[in-house]
Amino acid sequence: MVHKRSGNEQIVITIGSDTGSGNFGSLATTINEELQTLGVEVNEDMQEVFDEVGKEAARKLRETSPVNPKGSQSGRYAKGWTYESGKRAKNYKGSGVVRNKTDPQLTHILEYGHPLVRNGKVVGNVDAIEHIRPVADWCADEIEKKLSQKIGGK
């Protein structure tokens, strides 16, 4: 579960594996390796949990994302959140991505804020509207909880 910026300053929530940097191992692989030592196979259960949590994360982001009521494309950014199962991991099971399809370039500047420039001069800062980090944190907790229930049978 990684909340990160990709090369084009887009923020995505990667569920299951992080194929972008190579520094983080695959969460799915790590979990599977640990569970195989106990004799447990959970590939389908893991993908089911990732898909369920990913779809709910996209829904939460559509609800909590900022909307410009004055703009001609009111709500376009908020409506753009989607979940894609396994696409970033090149058909690797046990992964998924929550991303903004319509306005990926806005994820960074809205989440972290940005300088306000008028006539080439910085005249202030636009405050951050943190809406991605809380959902990413919720995803991590929810995945852990649901996988524990599936594996433990609780």
N, C-alpha and C. Protein backbone atom coordinates (compact mmCIF):
# COMPACT_ATOMS: atom_id res chain seq x y z
N MET A 1 0.85 -1.16 0.00
CA MET A 1 0.00 0.00 0.00
C MET A 1 0.90 1.22 0.00
N VAL A 2 0.93 1.94 -1.07
CA VAL A 2 1.84 3.06 -1.20
C VAL A 2 1.07 4.27 -1.71
N HIS A 3 1.32 5.40 -1.10
CA HIS A 3 0.76 6.67 -1.54
C HIS A 3 1.95 7.43 -2.08
N LYS A 4 2.02 7.66 -3.38
CA LYS A 4 3.24 8.23 -3.94
C LYS A 4 2.95 9.12 -5.15
N ARG A 5 3.98 9.84 -5.54
CA ARG A 5 3.92 10.62 -6.78
C ARG A 5 4.63 9.82 -7.85
N SER A 6 4.06 9.79 -9.03
CA SER A 6 4.76 9.15 -10.13
C SER A 6 5.52 10.24 -10.90
N GLY A 7 6.17 9.88 -11.97
CA GLY A 7 7.02 10.81 -12.71
C GLY A 7 6.32 12.06 -13.19
N ASN A 8 5.02 12.00 -13.49
CA ASN A 8 4.33 13.18 -14.00
C ASN A 8 3.61 13.94 -12.90
N GLU A 9 4.09 13.78 -11.65
CA GLU A 9 3.54 14.49 -10.51
C GLU A 9 2.11 14.06 -10.17
N GLN A 10 1.69 12.94 -10.69
CA GLN A 10 0.39 12.39 -10.36
C GLN A 10 0.52 11.59 -9.07
N ILE A 11 -0.47 11.67 -8.20
CA ILE A 11 -0.47 10.85 -7.00
C ILE A 11 -1.41 9.69 -7.25
N VAL A 12 -0.92 8.49 -6.97
CA VAL A 12 -1.75 7.30 -7.09
C VAL A 12 -1.67 6.53 -5.79
N ILE A 13 -2.68 5.75 -5.51
CA ILE A 13 -2.64 4.83 -4.38
C ILE A 13 -2.46 3.45 -4.98
N THR A 14 -1.29 2.86 -4.73
CA THR A 14 -0.98 1.54 -5.28
C THR A 14 -1.32 0.52 -4.22
N ILE A 15 -2.16 -0.42 -4.59
CA ILE A 15 -2.59 -1.45 -3.66
C ILE A 15 -1.93 -2.75 -4.06
N GLY A 16 -1.23 -3.36 -3.12
CA GLY A 16 -0.68 -4.69 -3.39
C GLY A 16 0.77 -4.70 -3.78
N SER A 17 1.17 -3.90 -4.75
CA SER A 17 2.57 -3.90 -5.15
C SER A 17 2.96 -2.52 -5.63
N ASP A 18 4.24 -2.24 -5.53
CA ASP A 18 4.76 -0.97 -6.03
C ASP A 18 5.77 -1.29 -7.10
N THR A 19 5.36 -1.14 -8.36
CA THR A 19 6.26 -1.47 -9.46
C THR A 19 7.02 -0.25 -9.94
N GLY A 20 6.74 0.93 -9.39
CA GLY A 20 7.34 2.15 -9.90
C GLY A 20 8.78 2.35 -9.53
N SER A 21 9.16 2.10 -8.28
CA SER A 21 10.51 2.46 -7.87
C SER A 21 11.44 1.26 -7.73
N GLY A 22 10.90 0.09 -7.50
CA GLY A 22 11.76 -1.07 -7.30
C GLY A 22 12.35 -1.12 -5.90
N ASN A 23 12.18 -0.08 -5.08
CA ASN A 23 12.72 -0.07 -3.74
C ASN A 23 11.85 -0.82 -2.74
N PHE A 24 10.55 -0.85 -2.98
CA PHE A 24 9.64 -1.55 -2.10
C PHE A 24 9.37 -2.90 -2.71
N GLY A 25 9.39 -3.94 -1.95
CA GLY A 25 9.00 -5.23 -2.52
C GLY A 25 7.51 -5.24 -2.77
N SER A 26 7.05 -6.26 -3.38
CA SER A 26 5.63 -6.40 -3.60
C SER A 26 4.98 -6.82 -2.30
N LEU A 27 3.98 -6.08 -1.85
CA LEU A 27 3.26 -6.43 -0.64
C LEU A 27 2.62 -7.80 -0.80
N ALA A 28 2.03 -8.03 -1.96
CA ALA A 28 1.37 -9.31 -2.20
C ALA A 28 2.38 -10.45 -2.14
N THR A 29 3.54 -10.27 -2.74
CA THR A 29 4.57 -11.31 -2.73
C THR A 29 5.04 -11.58 -1.31
N THR A 30 5.27 -10.52 -0.56
CA THR A 30 5.74 -10.67 0.82
C THR A 30 4.72 -11.41 1.66
N ILE A 31 3.46 -11.03 1.53
CA ILE A 31 2.41 -11.70 2.30
C ILE A 31 2.33 -13.17 1.90
N ASN A 32 2.35 -13.43 0.58
CA ASN A 32 2.28 -14.82 0.11
C ASN A 32 3.45 -15.65 0.62
N GLU A 33 4.66 -15.08 0.58
CA GLU A 33 5.83 -15.83 1.04
C GLU A 33 5.69 -16.20 2.51
N GLU A 34 5.24 -15.23 3.31
CA GLU A 34 5.07 -15.49 4.74
C GLU A 34 3.98 -16.54 4.98
N LEU A 35 2.89 -16.43 4.24
CA LEU A 35 1.79 -17.37 4.43
C LEU A 35 2.12 -18.76 3.89
N GLN A 36 2.94 -18.83 2.85
CA GLN A 36 3.32 -20.14 2.31
C GLN A 36 4.15 -20.91 3.33
N THR A 37 4.93 -20.18 4.15
CA THR A 37 5.67 -20.87 5.19
C THR A 37 4.72 -21.52 6.19
N LEU A 38 3.50 -20.99 6.28
CA LEU A 38 2.48 -21.58 7.15
C LEU A 38 1.57 -22.54 6.38
N GLY A 39 1.80 -22.67 5.08
CA GLY A 39 1.00 -23.57 4.27
C GLY A 39 -0.34 -22.98 3.86
N VAL A 40 -0.44 -21.68 3.74
CA VAL A 40 -1.70 -21.02 3.38
C VAL A 40 -1.57 -20.39 2.00
N GLU A 41 -2.52 -20.63 1.11
CA GLU A 41 -2.57 -20.00 -0.22
C GLU A 41 -3.73 -19.00 -0.24
N VAL A 42 -3.45 -17.75 -0.55
CA VAL A 42 -4.50 -16.74 -0.48
C VAL A 42 -4.55 -15.81 -1.69
N ASN A 43 -3.99 -16.20 -2.83
CA ASN A 43 -3.94 -15.31 -3.99
C ASN A 43 -5.30 -14.73 -4.35
N GLU A 44 -6.32 -15.60 -4.51
CA GLU A 44 -7.63 -15.11 -4.91
C GLU A 44 -8.25 -14.24 -3.83
N ASP A 45 -8.08 -14.65 -2.56
CA ASP A 45 -8.62 -13.86 -1.46
C ASP A 45 -7.98 -12.48 -1.41
N MET A 46 -6.66 -12.43 -1.65
CA MET A 46 -5.96 -11.15 -1.62
C MET A 46 -6.48 -10.24 -2.73
N GLN A 47 -6.60 -10.75 -3.95
CA GLN A 47 -7.07 -9.92 -5.05
C GLN A 47 -8.50 -9.46 -4.79
N GLU A 48 -9.31 -10.33 -4.21
CA GLU A 48 -10.69 -9.96 -3.87
C GLU A 48 -10.72 -8.81 -2.87
N VAL A 49 -9.86 -8.89 -1.85
CA VAL A 49 -9.77 -7.82 -0.85
C VAL A 49 -9.26 -6.54 -1.50
N PHE A 50 -8.21 -6.64 -2.31
CA PHE A 50 -7.66 -5.45 -2.96
C PHE A 50 -8.71 -4.78 -3.84
N ASP A 51 -9.46 -5.59 -4.60
CA ASP A 51 -10.50 -5.04 -5.48
C ASP A 51 -11.60 -4.35 -4.67
N GLU A 52 -12.03 -5.00 -3.60
CA GLU A 52 -13.09 -4.44 -2.76
C GLU A 52 -12.66 -3.12 -2.12
N VAL A 53 -11.47 -3.11 -1.54
CA VAL A 53 -10.97 -1.90 -0.89
C VAL A 53 -10.65 -0.82 -1.92
N GLY A 54 -10.10 -1.20 -3.06
CA GLY A 54 -9.77 -0.23 -4.11
C GLY A 54 -11.01 0.48 -4.64
N LYS A 55 -12.07 -0.28 -4.88
CA LYS A 55 -13.32 0.33 -5.37
C LYS A 55 -13.91 1.26 -4.32
N GLU A 56 -13.85 0.87 -3.07
CA GLU A 56 -14.36 1.72 -1.99
C GLU A 56 -13.49 2.98 -1.85
N ALA A 57 -12.18 2.85 -2.03
CA ALA A 57 -11.28 4.00 -1.95
C ALA A 57 -11.62 5.02 -3.05
N ALA A 58 -11.86 4.53 -4.26
CA ALA A 58 -12.23 5.43 -5.36
C ALA A 58 -13.54 6.14 -5.04
N ARG A 59 -14.50 5.42 -4.46
CA ARG A 59 -15.78 6.03 -4.08
C ARG A 59 -15.56 7.11 -3.01
N LYS A 60 -14.75 6.79 -2.01
CA LYS A 60 -14.47 7.77 -0.95
C LYS A 60 -13.81 9.02 -1.52
N LEU A 61 -12.86 8.83 -2.45
CA LEU A 61 -12.19 9.99 -3.06
C LEU A 61 -13.16 10.82 -3.90
N ARG A 62 -14.09 10.18 -4.59
CA ARG A 62 -15.10 10.94 -5.34
C ARG A 62 -15.95 11.79 -4.40
N GLU A 63 -16.20 11.29 -3.19
CA GLU A 63 -17.01 12.02 -2.22
C GLU A 63 -16.23 13.15 -1.53
N THR A 64 -14.95 12.93 -1.26
CA THR A 64 -14.19 13.88 -0.46
C THR A 64 -13.30 14.84 -1.26
N SER A 65 -13.19 14.63 -2.57
CA SER A 65 -12.34 15.50 -3.38
C SER A 65 -12.95 16.88 -3.52
N PRO A 66 -12.10 17.91 -3.58
CA PRO A 66 -12.61 19.27 -3.73
C PRO A 66 -13.30 19.48 -5.08
N VAL A 67 -14.32 20.31 -5.07
CA VAL A 67 -15.09 20.64 -6.28
C VAL A 67 -15.09 22.15 -6.43
N ASN A 68 -14.80 22.65 -7.63
CA ASN A 68 -14.86 24.08 -7.92
C ASN A 68 -16.27 24.39 -8.43
N PRO A 69 -17.12 24.98 -7.60
CA PRO A 69 -18.50 25.22 -8.02
C PRO A 69 -18.61 26.29 -9.10
N LYS A 70 -17.57 27.11 -9.26
CA LYS A 70 -17.62 28.21 -10.24
C LYS A 70 -17.15 27.78 -11.63
N GLY A 71 -16.43 26.69 -11.70
CA GLY A 71 -15.83 26.27 -12.96
C GLY A 71 -16.84 25.70 -13.94
N SER A 72 -16.47 25.73 -15.20
CA SER A 72 -17.35 25.20 -16.23
C SER A 72 -17.39 23.67 -16.20
N GLN A 73 -16.38 23.06 -15.58
CA GLN A 73 -16.34 21.60 -15.50
C GLN A 73 -16.49 21.18 -14.03
N SER A 74 -17.49 21.74 -13.39
CA SER A 74 -17.73 21.52 -11.98
C SER A 74 -17.77 20.03 -11.63
N GLY A 75 -16.90 19.63 -10.73
CA GLY A 75 -16.88 18.26 -10.26
C GLY A 75 -16.10 17.28 -11.12
N ARG A 76 -15.47 17.73 -12.16
CA ARG A 76 -14.74 16.84 -13.06
C ARG A 76 -13.62 16.10 -12.32
N TYR A 77 -12.84 16.81 -11.52
CA TYR A 77 -11.74 16.19 -10.76
C TYR A 77 -12.30 15.13 -9.81
N ALA A 78 -13.32 15.47 -9.08
CA ALA A 78 -13.90 14.53 -8.11
C ALA A 78 -14.47 13.30 -8.80
N LYS A 79 -15.06 13.47 -9.94
CA LYS A 79 -15.66 12.34 -10.66
C LYS A 79 -14.62 11.44 -11.33
N GLY A 80 -13.38 11.91 -11.42
CA GLY A 80 -12.35 11.18 -12.16
C GLY A 80 -11.70 10.03 -11.43
N TRP A 81 -11.98 9.83 -10.15
CA TRP A 81 -11.32 8.77 -9.39
C TRP A 81 -11.82 7.40 -9.82
N THR A 82 -10.86 6.48 -10.05
CA THR A 82 -11.21 5.14 -10.50
C THR A 82 -10.22 4.13 -9.92
N TYR A 83 -10.66 2.89 -9.90
CA TYR A 83 -9.80 1.79 -9.44
C TYR A 83 -9.54 0.87 -10.63
N GLU A 84 -8.28 0.50 -10.82
CA GLU A 84 -7.90 -0.42 -11.89
C GLU A 84 -7.18 -1.61 -11.27
N SER A 85 -7.71 -2.76 -11.48
CA SER A 85 -7.17 -3.98 -10.88
C SER A 85 -5.98 -4.52 -11.67
N GLY A 86 -4.80 -4.54 -11.04
CA GLY A 86 -3.63 -5.19 -11.62
C GLY A 86 -3.00 -4.54 -12.84
N LYS A 87 -3.45 -3.38 -13.29
CA LYS A 87 -2.91 -2.79 -14.52
C LYS A 87 -1.46 -2.35 -14.38
N ARG A 88 -1.13 -1.69 -13.30
CA ARG A 88 0.24 -1.19 -13.14
C ARG A 88 1.24 -2.32 -12.98
N ALA A 89 0.78 -3.44 -12.50
CA ALA A 89 1.69 -4.55 -12.25
C ALA A 89 1.76 -5.51 -13.43
N LYS A 90 1.28 -5.08 -14.59
CA LYS A 90 1.34 -5.88 -15.81
C LYS A 90 0.75 -7.28 -15.58
N ASN A 91 -0.53 -7.28 -15.25
CA ASN A 91 -1.30 -8.50 -15.04
C ASN A 91 -0.85 -9.32 -13.83
N TYR A 92 -0.12 -8.71 -12.93
CA TYR A 92 0.27 -9.40 -11.71
C TYR A 92 -0.93 -9.44 -10.77
N LYS A 93 -1.31 -10.62 -10.36
CA LYS A 93 -2.43 -10.73 -9.43
C LYS A 93 -1.98 -10.25 -8.06
N GLY A 94 -2.88 -9.65 -7.36
CA GLY A 94 -2.56 -9.14 -6.02
C GLY A 94 -2.15 -7.70 -6.06
N SER A 95 -2.75 -6.92 -6.95
CA SER A 95 -2.42 -5.50 -6.99
C SER A 95 -3.56 -4.71 -7.61
N GLY A 96 -3.45 -3.40 -7.52
CA GLY A 96 -4.42 -2.51 -8.13
C GLY A 96 -3.99 -1.07 -7.91
N VAL A 97 -4.65 -0.15 -8.64
CA VAL A 97 -4.28 1.26 -8.56
C VAL A 97 -5.55 2.10 -8.48
N VAL A 98 -5.56 3.03 -7.53
CA VAL A 98 -6.61 4.03 -7.47
C VAL A 98 -5.98 5.31 -8.01
N ARG A 99 -6.57 5.89 -9.05
CA ARG A 99 -5.98 7.09 -9.65
C ARG A 99 -7.07 8.00 -10.19
N ASN A 100 -6.68 9.22 -10.52
CA ASN A 100 -7.62 10.16 -11.11
C ASN A 100 -7.41 10.14 -12.62
N LYS A 101 -8.42 9.65 -13.33
CA LYS A 101 -8.33 9.49 -14.78
C LYS A 101 -8.47 10.82 -15.52
N THR A 102 -9.31 11.71 -15.04
CA THR A 102 -9.61 12.93 -15.79
C THR A 102 -8.59 14.04 -15.57
N ASP A 103 -8.10 14.21 -14.35
CA ASP A 103 -7.18 15.30 -14.04
C ASP A 103 -6.04 14.84 -13.14
N PRO A 104 -5.19 13.94 -13.61
CA PRO A 104 -4.12 13.43 -12.76
C PRO A 104 -3.14 14.51 -12.33
N GLN A 105 -2.98 15.55 -13.13
CA GLN A 105 -2.03 16.61 -12.83
C GLN A 105 -2.46 17.44 -11.61
N LEU A 106 -3.72 17.38 -11.24
CA LEU A 106 -4.21 18.15 -10.10
C LEU A 106 -3.98 17.46 -8.76
N THR A 107 -3.72 16.16 -8.78
CA THR A 107 -3.63 15.43 -7.51
C THR A 107 -2.54 16.01 -6.61
N HIS A 108 -1.39 16.30 -7.17
CA HIS A 108 -0.27 16.82 -6.38
C HIS A 108 -0.54 18.24 -5.86
N ILE A 109 -0.97 19.14 -6.73
CA ILE A 109 -1.13 20.53 -6.28
C ILE A 109 -2.30 20.69 -5.31
N LEU A 110 -3.33 19.88 -5.45
CA LEU A 110 -4.43 19.97 -4.49
C LEU A 110 -4.07 19.32 -3.16
N GLU A 111 -3.40 18.20 -3.20
CA GLU A 111 -3.04 17.49 -1.96
C GLU A 111 -1.98 18.24 -1.15
N TYR A 112 -1.03 18.88 -1.82
CA TYR A 112 0.10 19.51 -1.12
C TYR A 112 0.11 21.04 -1.19
N GLY A 113 -0.79 21.66 -1.92
CA GLY A 113 -0.78 23.11 -2.07
C GLY A 113 0.24 23.54 -3.11
N HIS A 114 0.25 24.84 -3.41
CA HIS A 114 1.18 25.35 -4.42
C HIS A 114 1.29 26.86 -4.29
N PRO A 115 2.37 27.45 -4.86
CA PRO A 115 2.51 28.90 -4.82
C PRO A 115 1.47 29.56 -5.73
N LEU A 116 1.03 30.73 -5.32
CA LEU A 116 0.09 31.51 -6.13
C LEU A 116 0.89 32.56 -6.89
N VAL A 117 0.85 32.49 -8.20
CA VAL A 117 1.66 33.37 -9.05
C VAL A 117 0.74 34.29 -9.84
N ARG A 118 1.02 35.59 -9.77
CA ARG A 118 0.30 36.60 -10.55
C ARG A 118 1.32 37.47 -11.26
N ASN A 119 1.20 37.59 -12.58
CA ASN A 119 2.13 38.40 -13.38
C ASN A 119 3.58 38.00 -13.15
N GLY A 120 3.83 36.71 -13.02
CA GLY A 120 5.18 36.21 -12.87
C GLY A 120 5.76 36.33 -11.48
N LYS A 121 4.98 36.82 -10.52
CA LYS A 121 5.49 36.98 -9.15
C LYS A 121 4.67 36.11 -8.21
N VAL A 122 5.38 35.50 -7.27
CA VAL A 122 4.70 34.71 -6.26
C VAL A 122 4.09 35.68 -5.25
N VAL A 123 2.78 35.63 -5.12
CA VAL A 123 2.08 36.56 -4.23
C VAL A 123 1.48 35.87 -3.02
N GLY A 124 1.67 34.58 -2.92
CA GLY A 124 1.14 33.83 -1.78
C GLY A 124 1.17 32.34 -2.05
N ASN A 125 0.48 31.62 -1.21
CA ASN A 125 0.39 30.17 -1.36
C ASN A 125 -1.07 29.74 -1.31
N VAL A 126 -1.38 28.74 -2.10
CA VAL A 126 -2.71 28.13 -2.04
C VAL A 126 -2.60 26.97 -1.07
N ASP A 127 -3.48 26.95 -0.07
CA ASP A 127 -3.43 25.90 0.94
C ASP A 127 -3.71 24.53 0.35
N ALA A 128 -3.10 23.54 0.98
CA ALA A 128 -3.33 22.15 0.59
C ALA A 128 -4.73 21.72 1.02
N ILE A 129 -5.33 20.87 0.21
CA ILE A 129 -6.61 20.26 0.56
C ILE A 129 -6.33 18.76 0.64
N GLU A 130 -5.96 18.32 1.84
CA GLU A 130 -5.56 16.92 2.00
C GLU A 130 -6.80 16.03 1.89
N HIS A 131 -6.86 15.24 0.84
CA HIS A 131 -7.99 14.35 0.64
C HIS A 131 -7.55 12.95 0.20
N ILE A 132 -6.32 12.80 -0.24
CA ILE A 132 -5.82 11.51 -0.69
C ILE A 132 -5.19 10.72 0.46
N ARG A 133 -4.35 11.37 1.26
CA ARG A 133 -3.66 10.70 2.36
C ARG A 133 -4.63 9.99 3.32
N PRO A 134 -5.73 10.63 3.75
CA PRO A 134 -6.64 9.91 4.66
C PRO A 134 -7.21 8.64 4.03
N VAL A 135 -7.49 8.68 2.75
CA VAL A 135 -8.04 7.49 2.07
C VAL A 135 -6.94 6.43 1.93
N ALA A 136 -5.72 6.84 1.64
CA ALA A 136 -4.61 5.89 1.55
C ALA A 136 -4.38 5.21 2.90
N ASP A 137 -4.44 5.97 3.98
CA ASP A 137 -4.28 5.40 5.31
C ASP A 137 -5.43 4.43 5.62
N TRP A 138 -6.65 4.82 5.23
CA TRP A 138 -7.80 3.95 5.44
C TRP A 138 -7.61 2.64 4.68
N CYS A 139 -7.10 2.73 3.44
CA CYS A 139 -6.86 1.53 2.63
C CYS A 139 -5.92 0.56 3.34
N ALA A 140 -4.83 1.07 3.86
CA ALA A 140 -3.85 0.22 4.53
C ALA A 140 -4.49 -0.51 5.72
N ASP A 141 -5.23 0.22 6.53
CA ASP A 141 -5.90 -0.38 7.69
C ASP A 141 -6.95 -1.39 7.26
N GLU A 142 -7.74 -1.03 6.27
CA GLU A 142 -8.84 -1.89 5.81
C GLU A 142 -8.31 -3.18 5.17
N ILE A 143 -7.24 -3.08 4.38
CA ILE A 143 -6.66 -4.27 3.76
C ILE A 143 -6.14 -5.22 4.83
N GLU A 144 -5.45 -4.66 5.80
CA GLU A 144 -4.92 -5.49 6.89
C GLU A 144 -6.06 -6.19 7.64
N LYS A 145 -7.11 -5.45 7.94
CA LYS A 145 -8.24 -6.00 8.67
C LYS A 145 -8.95 -7.09 7.87
N LYS A 146 -9.24 -6.82 6.59
CA LYS A 146 -9.97 -7.78 5.76
C LYS A 146 -9.14 -9.02 5.45
N LEU A 147 -7.84 -8.85 5.23
CA LEU A 147 -7.00 -10.03 5.00
C LEU A 147 -6.92 -10.89 6.25
N SER A 148 -6.83 -10.26 7.41
CA SER A 148 -6.82 -11.02 8.67
C SER A 148 -8.11 -11.82 8.83
N GLN A 149 -9.23 -11.20 8.49
CA GLN A 149 -10.51 -11.90 8.60
C GLN A 149 -10.58 -13.06 7.61
N LYS A 150 -10.14 -12.85 6.37
CA LYS A 150 -10.20 -13.91 5.36
C LYS A 150 -9.29 -15.07 5.71
N ILE A 151 -8.08 -14.75 6.14
CA ILE A 151 -7.10 -15.79 6.43
C ILE A 151 -7.44 -16.49 7.73
N GLY A 152 -7.82 -15.67 8.70
CA GLY A 152 -8.12 -16.23 10.03
C GLY A 152 -9.52 -16.81 10.12
N GLY A 153 -10.37 -16.51 9.14
CA GLY A 153 -11.72 -17.04 9.15
C GLY A 153 -12.64 -16.36 10.15
N LYS A 154 -12.24 -15.19 10.63
CA LYS A 154 -13.05 -14.49 11.64
C LYS A 154 -14.08 -13.61 10.99
